[in-house]
Amino acid sequence: MMAQQHIKAAEGVWSGQDPLPEWRLRGEWFDVCSCSTPCPCTFAQAPTHGDCMFTLVWQIHEGHLGDVRLDGLGVVALGEFAGNMWVGDPDATMTVMFYIDAKGDQRQRDALEAIFRGNMGGWPGKFGALISEVREVRYAPVHFEAPADLSYWRAEVPGRVEVGATALTGPTADPDRRVQTVNPPGSEVGPGQVATWGVVSADHAEGFDFSHPYRGGGSKHIPFDWRP
């Protein structure tokens, strides 16, 4: 379990011994992955190829951990998993690395790392329990872009990650509406969400040796609102 294997206090924010501070993160998230569309994970199924290579992007619009503000910061995770993470498969494994936004100061970086490692509880704690190994954590600027109409979404870690997707459409789709799934059973950002579907248009990510190409694969955009 990630929260058990990687105990890191947010220096100057939480001592690791005091009661957990109050926190909240609100923003938007998307993934790009090597699975076919629609992403099997969204429907709590095993990956298309048996394993999945992915990049996950979180952009925080408003957030804090204790008195540390986290507005406008981002986190990117690269990783791979095998098996079905949603059904308690004892052989399922997930390995990740994180890029944490270097636009933040050290207290903000520590706060983000503590939350995303799962040490602060809430949904990140539950999702973090699925992770077998955190390979490393790097600090670098995270740039995020998604218009209000969700016609596309993309993110960049300069020189290292450039990923994104365009909104999924087709010959019978209403051009004024996005293709969406309400209450997906395998949402990476927690229950009760609305997923907007896209097709991967950019898939460059340095940090893992990827076994499947992303381009043309599945992507979805989901808002999130977390607290303990």
C-alpha atoms as a PDB file:
ATOM      1  CA  MET A   1       0.000   0.000   0.000  1.00  0.00           C
ATOM      2  CA  MET A   2       1.469   3.330  -1.023  1.00  0.00           C
ATOM      3  CA  ALA A   3       0.433   5.210   2.103  1.00  0.00           C
ATOM      4  CA  GLN A   4       2.031   2.514   4.244  1.00  0.00           C
ATOM      5  CA  GLN A   5       5.245   2.102   2.235  1.00  0.00           C
ATOM      6  CA  HIS A   6       5.947   5.798   1.603  1.00  0.00           C
ATOM      7  CA  ILE A   7       5.269   7.836   4.710  1.00  0.00           C
ATOM      8  CA  LYS A   8       6.290  11.435   4.025  1.00  0.00           C
ATOM      9  CA  ALA A   9       5.193  14.315   6.200  1.00  0.00           C
ATOM     10  CA  ALA A  10       4.614  17.647   4.514  1.00  0.00           C
ATOM     11  CA  GLU A  11       7.423  19.580   6.167  1.00  0.00           C
ATOM     12  CA  GLY A  12       6.101  22.688   7.871  1.00  0.00           C
ATOM     13  CA  VAL A  13       2.525  21.587   7.160  1.00  0.00           C
ATOM     14  CA  TRP A  14       2.128  18.305   9.034  1.00  0.00           C
ATOM     15  CA  SER A  15       4.539  16.669  11.450  1.00  0.00           C
ATOM     16  CA  GLY A  16       3.376  13.128  10.757  1.00  0.00           C
ATOM     17  CA  GLN A  17       2.350  12.802  14.422  1.00  0.00           C
ATOM     18  CA  ASP A  18      -0.277  15.516  14.884  1.00  0.00           C
ATOM     19  CA  PRO A  19      -3.879  15.006  13.683  1.00  0.00           C
ATOM     20  CA  LEU A  20      -4.232  15.370   9.921  1.00  0.00           C
ATOM     21  CA  PRO A  21      -4.801  18.988   8.853  1.00  0.00           C
ATOM     22  CA  GLU A  22      -7.933  20.000   6.995  1.00  0.00           C
ATOM     23  CA  TRP A  23      -7.479  20.052   3.223  1.00  0.00           C
ATOM     24  CA  ARG A  24      -9.379  20.309  -0.045  1.00  0.00           C
ATOM     25  CA  LEU A  25      -8.523  20.152  -3.747  1.00  0.00           C
ATOM     26  CA  ARG A  26     -10.896  21.135  -6.547  1.00  0.00           C
ATOM     27  CA  GLY A  27      -9.987  21.030 -10.220  1.00  0.00           C
ATOM     28  CA  GLU A  28      -9.923  18.891 -13.340  1.00  0.00           C
ATOM     29  CA  TRP A  29      -8.155  15.714 -14.397  1.00  0.00           C
ATOM     30  CA  PHE A  30      -7.512  13.796 -17.575  1.00  0.00           C
ATOM     31  CA  ASP A  31      -5.664  10.716 -18.707  1.00  0.00           C
ATOM     32  CA  VAL A  32      -4.154   9.369 -21.897  1.00  0.00           C
ATOM     33  CA  CYS A  33      -3.521   5.668 -22.077  1.00  0.00           C
ATOM     34  CA  SER A  34      -2.701   2.742 -24.329  1.00  0.00           C
ATOM     35  CA  CYS A  35      -6.152   1.158 -24.147  1.00  0.00           C
ATOM     36  CA  SER A  36      -8.782   1.332 -26.853  1.00  0.00           C
ATOM     37  CA  THR A  37     -11.760   3.678 -26.620  1.00  0.00           C
ATOM     38  CA  PRO A  38     -13.769   3.433 -24.459  1.00  0.00           C
ATOM     39  CA  CYS A  39     -11.257   2.929 -21.669  1.00  0.00           C
ATOM     40  CA  PRO A  40     -12.033  -0.418 -19.981  1.00  0.00           C
ATOM     41  CA  CYS A  41     -10.878   0.963 -16.625  1.00  0.00           C
ATOM     42  CA  THR A  42     -13.765   3.437 -16.659  1.00  0.00           C
ATOM     43  CA  PHE A  43     -16.125   0.465 -16.659  1.00  0.00           C
ATOM     44  CA  ALA A  44     -14.128  -1.434 -13.996  1.00  0.00           C
ATOM     45  CA  GLN A  45     -12.730  -3.906 -16.533  1.00  0.00           C
ATOM     46  CA  ALA A  46      -9.199  -5.163 -17.240  1.00  0.00           C
ATOM     47  CA  PRO A  47      -7.000  -3.223 -19.716  1.00  0.00           C
ATOM     48  CA  THR A  48      -7.344  -3.808 -23.465  1.00  0.00           C
ATOM     49  CA  HIS A  49      -3.870  -5.372 -23.769  1.00  0.00           C
ATOM     50  CA  GLY A  50      -3.785  -6.939 -20.300  1.00  0.00           C
ATOM     51  CA  ASP A  51      -1.571  -4.097 -19.156  1.00  0.00           C
ATOM     52  CA  CYS A  52      -1.994  -0.329 -19.455  1.00  0.00           C
ATOM     53  CA  MET A  53       0.581   2.433 -19.904  1.00  0.00           C
ATOM     54  CA  PHE A  54      -0.777   5.824 -18.865  1.00  0.00           C
ATOM     55  CA  THR A  55      -0.226   9.479 -18.126  1.00  0.00           C
ATOM     56  CA  LEU A  56      -2.525  11.148 -15.587  1.00  0.00           C
ATOM     57  CA  VAL A  57      -2.808  14.925 -15.211  1.00  0.00           C
ATOM     58  CA  TRP A  58      -4.396  16.901 -12.356  1.00  0.00           C
ATOM     59  CA  GLN A  59      -4.870  20.676 -12.488  1.00  0.00           C
ATOM     60  CA  ILE A  60      -5.854  22.283  -9.186  1.00  0.00           C
ATOM     61  CA  HIS A  61      -8.053  25.362  -9.481  1.00  0.00           C
ATOM     62  CA  GLU A  62      -8.567  25.869  -5.753  1.00  0.00           C
ATOM     63  CA  GLY A  63      -6.901  23.983  -2.956  1.00  0.00           C
ATOM     64  CA  HIS A  64      -5.095  24.011   0.347  1.00  0.00           C
ATOM     65  CA  LEU A  65      -3.491  21.756   2.922  1.00  0.00           C
ATOM     66  CA  GLY A  66      -3.737  23.490   6.270  1.00  0.00           C
ATOM     67  CA  ASP A  67      -2.633  27.061   5.608  1.00  0.00           C
ATOM     68  CA  VAL A  68      -0.695  26.188   2.440  1.00  0.00           C
ATOM     69  CA  ARG A  69      -2.508  27.374  -0.707  1.00  0.00           C
ATOM     70  CA  LEU A  70      -2.294  25.075  -3.743  1.00  0.00           C
ATOM     71  CA  ASP A  71      -4.297  27.073  -6.305  1.00  0.00           C
ATOM     72  CA  GLY A  72      -3.078  26.847  -9.883  1.00  0.00           C
ATOM     73  CA  LEU A  73      -0.631  23.974  -9.376  1.00  0.00           C
ATOM     74  CA  GLY A  74      -0.515  20.704 -11.275  1.00  0.00           C
ATOM     75  CA  VAL A  75       0.596  17.097 -10.870  1.00  0.00           C
ATOM     76  CA  VAL A  76       1.430  14.560 -13.584  1.00  0.00           C
ATOM     77  CA  ALA A  77       1.805  10.814 -13.039  1.00  0.00           C
ATOM     78  CA  LEU A  78       3.297   8.336 -15.490  1.00  0.00           C
ATOM     79  CA  GLY A  79       2.782   4.672 -14.923  1.00  0.00           C
ATOM     80  CA  GLU A  80       1.719   1.211 -15.860  1.00  0.00           C
ATOM     81  CA  PHE A  81      -0.543  -1.410 -14.379  1.00  0.00           C
ATOM     82  CA  ALA A  82      -1.531  -4.979 -15.065  1.00  0.00           C
ATOM     83  CA  GLY A  83      -4.712  -6.769 -14.109  1.00  0.00           C
ATOM     84  CA  ASN A  84      -7.983  -5.232 -12.982  1.00  0.00           C
ATOM     85  CA  MET A  85      -7.328  -2.640 -10.287  1.00  0.00           C
ATOM     86  CA  TRP A  86     -10.992  -2.315  -9.350  1.00  0.00           C
ATOM     87  CA  VAL A  87     -11.928  -5.879  -8.347  1.00  0.00           C
ATOM     88  CA  GLY A  88      -9.420  -6.658  -5.607  1.00  0.00           C
ATOM     89  CA  ASP A  89      -7.225  -8.780  -7.908  1.00  0.00           C
ATOM     90  CA  PRO A  90      -4.267  -9.851  -5.698  1.00  0.00           C
ATOM     91  CA  ASP A  91      -2.017 -10.085  -8.777  1.00  0.00           C
ATOM     92  CA  ALA A  92      -2.805  -6.564 -10.007  1.00  0.00           C
ATOM     93  CA  THR A  93       0.148  -4.183  -9.840  1.00  0.00           C
ATOM     94  CA  MET A  94       0.572  -0.455 -10.476  1.00  0.00           C
ATOM     95  CA  THR A  95       3.858   1.463 -10.661  1.00  0.00           C
ATOM     96  CA  VAL A  96       4.003   5.250 -11.011  1.00  0.00           C
ATOM     97  CA  MET A  97       6.294   8.251 -10.974  1.00  0.00           C
ATOM     98  CA  PHE A  98       5.184  11.828 -10.281  1.00  0.00           C
ATOM     99  CA  TYR A  99       6.058  15.204 -11.726  1.00  0.00           C
ATOM    100  CA  ILE A 100       5.035  17.766  -9.097  1.00  0.00           C
ATOM    101  CA  ASP A 101       4.671  21.364 -10.184  1.00  0.00           C
ATOM    102  CA  ALA A 102       7.901  23.295  -9.640  1.00  0.00           C
ATOM    103  CA  LYS A 103       5.932  26.549  -9.784  1.00  0.00           C
ATOM    104  CA  GLY A 104       5.146  25.911  -6.134  1.00  0.00           C
ATOM    105  CA  ASP A 105       7.538  26.608  -3.276  1.00  0.00           C
ATOM    106  CA  GLN A 106       8.896  23.825  -1.077  1.00  0.00           C
ATOM    107  CA  ARG A 107       5.933  23.812   1.322  1.00  0.00           C
ATOM    108  CA  GLN A 108       3.522  23.564  -1.600  1.00  0.00           C
ATOM    109  CA  ARG A 109       5.529  20.748  -3.187  1.00  0.00           C
ATOM    110  CA  ASP A 110       5.617  18.857   0.103  1.00  0.00           C
ATOM    111  CA  ALA A 111       1.871  19.341   0.552  1.00  0.00           C
ATOM    112  CA  LEU A 112       1.105  18.015  -2.939  1.00  0.00           C
ATOM    113  CA  GLU A 113       3.389  15.043  -2.465  1.00  0.00           C
ATOM    114  CA  ALA A 114       1.780  14.172   0.871  1.00  0.00           C
ATOM    115  CA  ILE A 115      -1.723  14.318  -0.667  1.00  0.00           C
ATOM    116  CA  PHE A 116      -0.926  12.412  -3.856  1.00  0.00           C
ATOM    117  CA  ARG A 117       1.051   9.718  -2.072  1.00  0.00           C
ATOM    118  CA  GLY A 118      -2.157   9.057  -0.156  1.00  0.00           C
ATOM    119  CA  ASN A 119      -0.933  10.164   3.273  1.00  0.00           C
ATOM    120  CA  MET A 120      -3.714  12.713   3.792  1.00  0.00           C
ATOM    121  CA  GLY A 121      -6.569  10.266   3.244  1.00  0.00           C
ATOM    122  CA  GLY A 122      -9.635  11.064   1.178  1.00  0.00           C
ATOM    123  CA  TRP A 123      -9.920   9.742  -2.366  1.00  0.00           C
ATOM    124  CA  PRO A 124      -6.145  10.033  -3.020  1.00  0.00           C
ATOM    125  CA  GLY A 125      -5.641   7.716  -0.059  1.00  0.00           C
ATOM    126  CA  LYS A 126      -8.013   5.147  -1.554  1.00  0.00           C
ATOM    127  CA  PHE A 127      -6.510   5.392  -5.027  1.00  0.00           C
ATOM    128  CA  GLY A 128      -3.012   5.380  -3.558  1.00  0.00           C
ATOM    129  CA  ALA A 129      -3.727   2.034  -1.920  1.00  0.00           C
ATOM    130  CA  LEU A 130      -3.816   0.551  -5.441  1.00  0.00           C
ATOM    131  CA  ILE A 131      -0.233   1.601  -6.156  1.00  0.00           C
ATOM    132  CA  SER A 132       2.470  -0.998  -5.605  1.00  0.00           C
ATOM    133  CA  GLU A 133       5.486   1.273  -6.148  1.00  0.00           C
ATOM    134  CA  VAL A 134       6.262   4.965  -6.481  1.00  0.00           C
ATOM    135  CA  ARG A 135       9.373   4.866  -8.660  1.00  0.00           C
ATOM    136  CA  GLU A 136      10.382   8.491  -8.130  1.00  0.00           C
ATOM    137  CA  VAL A 137       9.155  12.057  -7.670  1.00  0.00           C
ATOM    138  CA  ARG A 138      10.506  14.903  -9.822  1.00  0.00           C
ATOM    139  CA  TYR A 139       9.816  18.640  -9.655  1.00  0.00           C
ATOM    140  CA  ALA A 140       9.155  20.460 -12.929  1.00  0.00           C
ATOM    141  CA  PRO A 141       6.729  23.095 -14.247  1.00  0.00           C
ATOM    142  CA  VAL A 142       3.335  21.672 -15.237  1.00  0.00           C
ATOM    143  CA  HIS A 143       1.361  23.551 -17.902  1.00  0.00           C
ATOM    144  CA  PHE A 144      -2.305  22.688 -18.410  1.00  0.00           C
ATOM    145  CA  GLU A 145      -4.889  23.824 -20.946  1.00  0.00           C
ATOM    146  CA  ALA A 146      -8.565  22.934 -21.464  1.00  0.00           C
ATOM    147  CA  PRO A 147     -11.193  25.343 -22.841  1.00  0.00           C
ATOM    148  CA  ALA A 148     -14.609  25.624 -21.222  1.00  0.00           C
ATOM    149  CA  ASP A 149     -16.247  23.719 -24.091  1.00  0.00           C
ATOM    150  CA  LEU A 150     -13.856  20.750 -23.549  1.00  0.00           C
ATOM    151  CA  SER A 151     -13.094  20.525 -27.266  1.00  0.00           C
ATOM    152  CA  TYR A 152      -9.598  19.426 -26.246  1.00  0.00           C
ATOM    153  CA  TRP A 153      -7.351  19.107 -23.203  1.00  0.00           C
ATOM    154  CA  ARG A 154      -3.579  18.988 -22.981  1.00  0.00           C
ATOM    155  CA  ALA A 155      -0.657  19.301 -20.604  1.00  0.00           C
ATOM    156  CA  GLU A 156       3.080  19.771 -20.813  1.00  0.00           C
ATOM    157  CA  VAL A 157       6.105  19.263 -18.611  1.00  0.00           C
ATOM    158  CA  PRO A 158       8.656  21.111 -20.771  1.00  0.00           C
ATOM    159  CA  GLY A 159      11.043  18.758 -22.524  1.00  0.00           C
ATOM    160  CA  ARG A 160       9.595  15.702 -20.774  1.00  0.00           C
ATOM    161  CA  VAL A 161       5.849  15.324 -21.222  1.00  0.00           C
ATOM    162  CA  GLU A 162       3.482  16.558 -23.924  1.00  0.00           C
ATOM    163  CA  VAL A 163       0.115  14.821 -23.844  1.00  0.00           C
ATOM    164  CA  GLY A 164      -3.405  15.690 -24.890  1.00  0.00           C
ATOM    165  CA  ALA A 165      -6.630  14.680 -26.580  1.00  0.00           C
ATOM    166  CA  THR A 166      -9.391  16.060 -28.753  1.00  0.00           C
ATOM    167  CA  ALA A 167     -13.037  15.525 -27.863  1.00  0.00           C
ATOM    168  CA  LEU A 168     -14.518  12.321 -29.252  1.00  0.00           C
ATOM    169  CA  THR A 169     -17.156  12.759 -31.931  1.00  0.00           C
ATOM    170  CA  GLY A 170     -18.728  10.776 -34.745  1.00  0.00           C
ATOM    171  CA  PRO A 171     -21.296  10.882 -37.532  1.00  0.00           C
ATOM    172  CA  THR A 172     -24.310  10.598 -35.218  1.00  0.00           C
ATOM    173  CA  ALA A 173     -23.009  12.815 -32.397  1.00  0.00           C
ATOM    174  CA  ASP A 174     -24.781  16.098 -31.674  1.00  0.00           C
ATOM    175  CA  PRO A 175     -22.076  18.696 -32.503  1.00  0.00           C
ATOM    176  CA  ASP A 176     -23.275  20.891 -29.634  1.00  0.00           C
ATOM    177  CA  ARG A 177     -22.848  18.194 -26.989  1.00  0.00           C
ATOM    178  CA  ARG A 178     -19.859  16.239 -25.714  1.00  0.00           C
ATOM    179  CA  VAL A 179     -19.755  12.447 -25.521  1.00  0.00           C
ATOM    180  CA  GLN A 180     -20.022  11.755 -21.803  1.00  0.00           C
ATOM    181  CA  THR A 181     -20.559   8.975 -19.268  1.00  0.00           C
ATOM    182  CA  VAL A 182     -22.431   9.758 -16.051  1.00  0.00           C
ATOM    183  CA  ASN A 183     -21.442   7.901 -12.874  1.00  0.00           C
ATOM    184  CA  PRO A 184     -18.630   5.770 -14.366  1.00  0.00           C
ATOM    185  CA  PRO A 185     -17.934   2.714 -12.170  1.00  0.00           C
ATOM    186  CA  GLY A 186     -14.130   3.006 -12.495  1.00  0.00           C
ATOM    187  CA  SER A 187     -13.353   6.711 -12.154  1.00  0.00           C
ATOM    188  CA  GLU A 188      -9.767   7.444 -11.153  1.00  0.00           C
ATOM    189  CA  VAL A 189     -10.847  10.633  -9.364  1.00  0.00           C
ATOM    190  CA  GLY A 190     -13.604   9.093  -7.268  1.00  0.00           C
ATOM    191  CA  PRO A 191     -17.291   8.193  -7.394  1.00  0.00           C
ATOM    192  CA  GLY A 192     -20.240  10.061  -8.872  1.00  0.00           C
ATOM    193  CA  GLN A 193     -18.404  11.803 -11.705  1.00  0.00           C
ATOM    194  CA  VAL A 194     -19.095  12.800 -15.316  1.00  0.00           C
ATOM    195  CA  ALA A 195     -16.440  11.662 -17.809  1.00  0.00           C
ATOM    196  CA  THR A 196     -16.015  13.461 -21.138  1.00  0.00           C
ATOM    197  CA  TRP A 197     -14.437  11.259 -23.798  1.00  0.00           C
ATOM    198  CA  GLY A 198     -11.558  12.136 -26.091  1.00  0.00           C
ATOM    199  CA  VAL A 199      -9.070  10.597 -28.518  1.00  0.00           C
ATOM    200  CA  VAL A 200      -5.341  10.888 -27.772  1.00  0.00           C
ATOM    201  CA  SER A 201      -3.619  13.390 -30.064  1.00  0.00           C
ATOM    202  CA  ALA A 202      -0.254  13.813 -28.255  1.00  0.00           C
ATOM    203  CA  ASP A 203       1.506  11.067 -26.317  1.00  0.00           C
ATOM    204  CA  HIS A 204       5.098  12.047 -25.524  1.00  0.00           C
ATOM    205  CA  ALA A 205       6.020  11.106 -21.951  1.00  0.00           C
ATOM    206  CA  GLU A 206       9.495  10.498 -20.532  1.00  0.00           C
ATOM    207  CA  GLY A 207       9.898   8.476 -17.374  1.00  0.00           C
ATOM    208  CA  PHE A 208       8.766   4.976 -18.289  1.00  0.00           C
ATOM    209  CA  ASP A 209       9.601   2.613 -21.179  1.00  0.00           C
ATOM    210  CA  PHE A 210       6.184   2.409 -22.798  1.00  0.00           C
ATOM    211  CA  SER A 211       5.148  -0.871 -24.390  1.00  0.00           C
ATOM    212  CA  HIS A 212       2.179   0.428 -26.400  1.00  0.00           C
ATOM    213  CA  PRO A 213       1.715   3.640 -28.407  1.00  0.00           C
ATOM    214  CA  TYR A 214      -0.851   6.128 -27.081  1.00  0.00           C
ATOM    215  CA  ARG A 215      -1.728   8.033 -30.269  1.00  0.00           C
ATOM    216  CA  GLY A 216      -5.355   7.348 -31.165  1.00  0.00           C
ATOM    217  CA  GLY A 217      -5.981   5.651 -27.813  1.00  0.00           C
ATOM    218  CA  GLY A 218      -8.498   6.501 -25.135  1.00  0.00           C
ATOM    219  CA  SER A 219      -8.706   9.630 -23.022  1.00  0.00           C
ATOM    220  CA  LYS A 220     -11.250  11.113 -20.670  1.00  0.00           C
ATOM    221  CA  HIS A 221     -11.585  14.363 -18.775  1.00  0.00           C
ATOM    222  CA  ILE A 222     -13.211  14.410 -15.315  1.00  0.00           C
ATOM    223  CA  PRO A 223     -13.566  17.201 -12.727  1.00  0.00           C
ATOM    224  CA  PHE A 224     -12.683  16.438  -9.117  1.00  0.00           C
ATOM    225  CA  ASP A 225     -13.443  17.856  -5.672  1.00  0.00           C
ATOM    226  CA  TRP A 226     -11.593  16.108  -2.841  1.00  0.00           C
ATOM    227  CA  ARG A 227     -11.383  16.478   0.913  1.00  0.00           C
ATOM    228  CA  PRO A 228     -10.644  14.066   3.769  1.00  0.00           C
END
